[in-house]
Protein backbone atom coordinates (compact mmCIF):
# COMPACT_ATOMS: atom_id res chain seq x y z
CA UNK A 1 81.88 -65.53 -27.71
CA UNK A 2 78.77 -67.27 -28.62
CA UNK A 3 78.99 -69.73 -25.99
CA UNK A 4 76.29 -71.09 -23.69
CA UNK A 5 74.37 -68.61 -21.64
CA UNK A 6 73.36 -69.03 -18.05
CA UNK A 7 70.14 -67.60 -17.10
CA UNK A 8 69.51 -67.32 -13.21
CA UNK A 9 66.02 -67.44 -11.70
CA UNK A 10 65.65 -66.65 -8.10
CA UNK A 11 63.26 -69.27 -6.41
CA UNK A 12 61.11 -66.49 -4.84
CA UNK A 13 60.09 -65.24 -8.23
CA UNK A 14 59.55 -68.65 -9.94
CA UNK A 15 56.85 -69.47 -6.83
CA UNK A 16 55.30 -66.31 -7.10
CA UNK A 17 54.75 -66.57 -10.77
CA UNK A 18 53.61 -69.89 -10.31
CA UNK A 19 51.16 -69.02 -7.55
CA UNK A 20 49.77 -66.12 -9.67
CA UNK A 21 49.30 -68.35 -12.72
CA UNK A 22 47.15 -70.85 -10.52
CA UNK A 23 45.18 -68.26 -9.10
CA UNK A 24 44.42 -66.84 -12.92
CA UNK A 25 43.46 -70.27 -14.03
CA UNK A 26 41.14 -70.75 -10.95
CA UNK A 27 39.56 -67.40 -11.37
CA UNK A 28 38.96 -68.23 -15.16
CA UNK A 29 37.44 -71.60 -14.39
CA UNK A 30 35.23 -69.97 -11.76
CA UNK A 31 33.95 -67.35 -13.87
CA UNK A 32 32.94 -69.76 -16.65
CA UNK A 33 31.21 -72.09 -14.18
CA UNK A 34 29.42 -69.10 -12.78
CA UNK A 35 28.21 -67.74 -16.08
CA UNK A 36 27.28 -70.96 -17.94
CA UNK A 37 23.60 -71.87 -17.63
CA UNK A 38 22.57 -74.65 -15.45
CA UNK A 39 21.40 -77.85 -17.03
CA UNK A 40 17.87 -78.96 -16.00
CA UNK A 41 19.03 -82.53 -15.80
CA UNK A 42 21.61 -82.06 -13.02
CA UNK A 43 21.58 -84.42 -10.18
CA UNK A 44 19.69 -81.92 -8.07
CA UNK A 45 16.47 -82.62 -6.25
CA UNK A 46 13.44 -81.08 -8.09
CA UNK A 47 12.27 -78.02 -6.40
CA UNK A 48 8.93 -76.28 -6.85
CA UNK A 49 9.45 -73.54 -9.21
CA UNK A 50 7.69 -69.90 -9.41
CA UNK A 51 5.55 -71.44 -12.30
CA UNK A 52 4.31 -74.23 -10.48
CA UNK A 53 3.24 -72.05 -7.27
CA UNK A 54 0.05 -70.38 -8.37
CA UNK A 55 -1.23 -69.13 -5.11
CA UNK A 56 0.26 -68.20 -1.75
CA UNK A 57 -1.39 -70.80 0.60
CA UNK A 58 -4.00 -69.22 2.82
CA UNK A 59 -7.68 -68.06 3.09
CA UNK A 60 -8.41 -64.78 1.46
CA UNK A 61 -11.59 -62.71 1.60
CA UNK A 62 -13.42 -60.62 -0.67
CA UNK A 63 -16.55 -58.66 -0.06
CA UNK A 64 -19.92 -58.23 -2.06
CA UNK A 65 -21.79 -54.93 -1.32
CA UNK A 66 -25.62 -55.92 -1.49
CA UNK A 67 -28.37 -53.31 -1.04
CA UNK A 68 -29.68 -52.68 2.04
CA UNK A 69 -27.91 -55.63 3.71
CA UNK A 70 -24.38 -55.70 5.42
CA UNK A 71 -21.59 -56.75 3.07
CA UNK A 72 -21.47 -60.32 2.35
CA UNK A 73 -17.94 -61.92 2.74
CA UNK A 74 -16.79 -64.79 0.28
CA UNK A 75 -13.72 -66.88 1.54
CA UNK A 76 -11.57 -68.56 -0.83
CA UNK A 77 -8.80 -71.10 0.52
CA UNK A 78 -6.01 -72.13 -1.40
CA UNK A 79 -2.93 -74.28 -1.33
CA UNK A 80 0.11 -73.61 -3.56
CA UNK A 81 -1.20 -75.26 -6.56
CA UNK A 82 -5.08 -75.27 -6.31
CA UNK A 83 -8.15 -73.91 -4.92
CA UNK A 84 -9.35 -76.03 -2.18
CA UNK A 85 -12.39 -74.37 -0.95
CA UNK A 86 -14.87 -71.40 -1.43
CA UNK A 87 -17.25 -70.34 1.22
CA UNK A 88 -19.71 -67.57 2.48
CA UNK A 89 -19.39 -66.10 5.72
CA UNK A 90 -22.28 -66.60 8.21
CA UNK A 91 -25.38 -65.28 6.78
CA UNK A 92 -28.65 -64.07 8.09
CA UNK A 93 -32.26 -64.55 7.20
CA UNK A 94 -32.24 -61.41 5.31
CA UNK A 95 -29.89 -62.60 2.87
CA UNK A 96 -31.91 -65.72 2.14
CA UNK A 97 -35.03 -63.69 1.76
CA UNK A 98 -33.75 -60.85 -0.59
CA UNK A 99 -31.21 -63.01 -2.28
CA UNK A 100 -32.35 -66.64 -2.46
CA UNK A 101 -29.91 -67.67 -5.06
CA UNK A 102 -26.67 -66.79 -3.52
CA UNK A 103 -26.30 -69.80 -1.43
CA UNK A 104 -27.15 -72.72 -3.97
CA UNK A 105 -25.30 -70.82 -6.89
CA UNK A 106 -22.13 -70.65 -4.62
CA UNK A 107 -22.50 -74.22 -3.67
CA UNK A 108 -22.58 -75.16 -7.49
CA UNK A 109 -19.80 -72.68 -8.29
CA UNK A 110 -17.62 -73.89 -5.45
CA UNK A 111 -17.86 -77.39 -6.52
CA UNK A 112 -17.15 -76.60 -10.33
CA UNK A 113 -14.21 -74.43 -9.44
CA UNK A 114 -12.50 -76.99 -7.01
CA UNK A 115 -13.27 -79.77 -9.37
CA UNK A 116 -12.02 -77.88 -12.68
CA UNK A 117 -9.60 -75.46 -10.97
CA UNK A 118 -10.51 -72.52 -13.20
CA UNK A 119 -13.00 -69.71 -13.03
CA UNK A 120 -15.02 -70.54 -16.21
CA UNK A 121 -18.33 -71.86 -14.94
CA UNK A 122 -21.75 -72.64 -16.42
CA UNK A 123 -24.77 -70.82 -15.53
CA UNK A 124 -28.63 -70.64 -16.32
CA UNK A 125 -30.28 -67.63 -17.08
CA UNK A 126 -31.91 -67.67 -13.70
CA UNK A 127 -28.59 -67.44 -12.12
CA UNK A 128 -26.49 -65.47 -14.65
CA UNK A 129 -26.01 -62.32 -12.48
CA UNK A 130 -25.44 -64.18 -9.18
CA UNK A 131 -22.91 -66.27 -10.85
CA UNK A 132 -21.15 -63.18 -12.25
CA UNK A 133 -21.14 -61.46 -8.97
CA UNK A 134 -19.68 -64.35 -7.21
CA UNK A 135 -17.26 -65.14 -9.76
CA UNK A 136 -16.18 -61.37 -9.51
CA UNK A 137 -15.59 -61.83 -5.69
CA UNK A 138 -13.79 -65.20 -6.06
CA UNK A 139 -11.43 -63.55 -8.56
CA UNK A 140 -10.98 -60.60 -6.20
CA UNK A 141 -10.06 -62.97 -3.30
CA UNK A 142 -7.60 -64.74 -5.63
CA UNK A 143 -5.72 -61.54 -6.54
CA UNK A 144 -4.64 -61.52 -2.91
CA UNK A 145 -3.24 -65.16 -3.14
CA UNK A 146 -1.40 -64.44 -6.37
CA UNK A 147 2.39 -64.56 -5.50
CA UNK A 148 3.60 -62.48 -8.28
């Protein structure tokens, strides 16, 4: 009796198997999509990345301790991508008398840093130490602005 064999399937089991197969395929597709690296040329709006964000916007302060004078505050104002302003706190006559190079050196230094956006500055032998002290204060203030 090698005749035709009839196989009977119950409709419930066929539907359940089809649903599990569809769920399995969707799960595999989802995992592949999730773990594949994103292309940079996708149709997404460009967003500012962590590398482009150099600073946390705001004004940051550093102190310079001078001999027999109250500490001098240096304020550095930054946006997300650049240094916008460097200034001294209000000073008194003692500072102008004992440290006459501070204000003019900071003005020159500030314009150079804002223009070039780096802390490498040129100085003369006359204001070498003053420039180094002010650059140290600016660098200390920028540490607070660093997002990393």
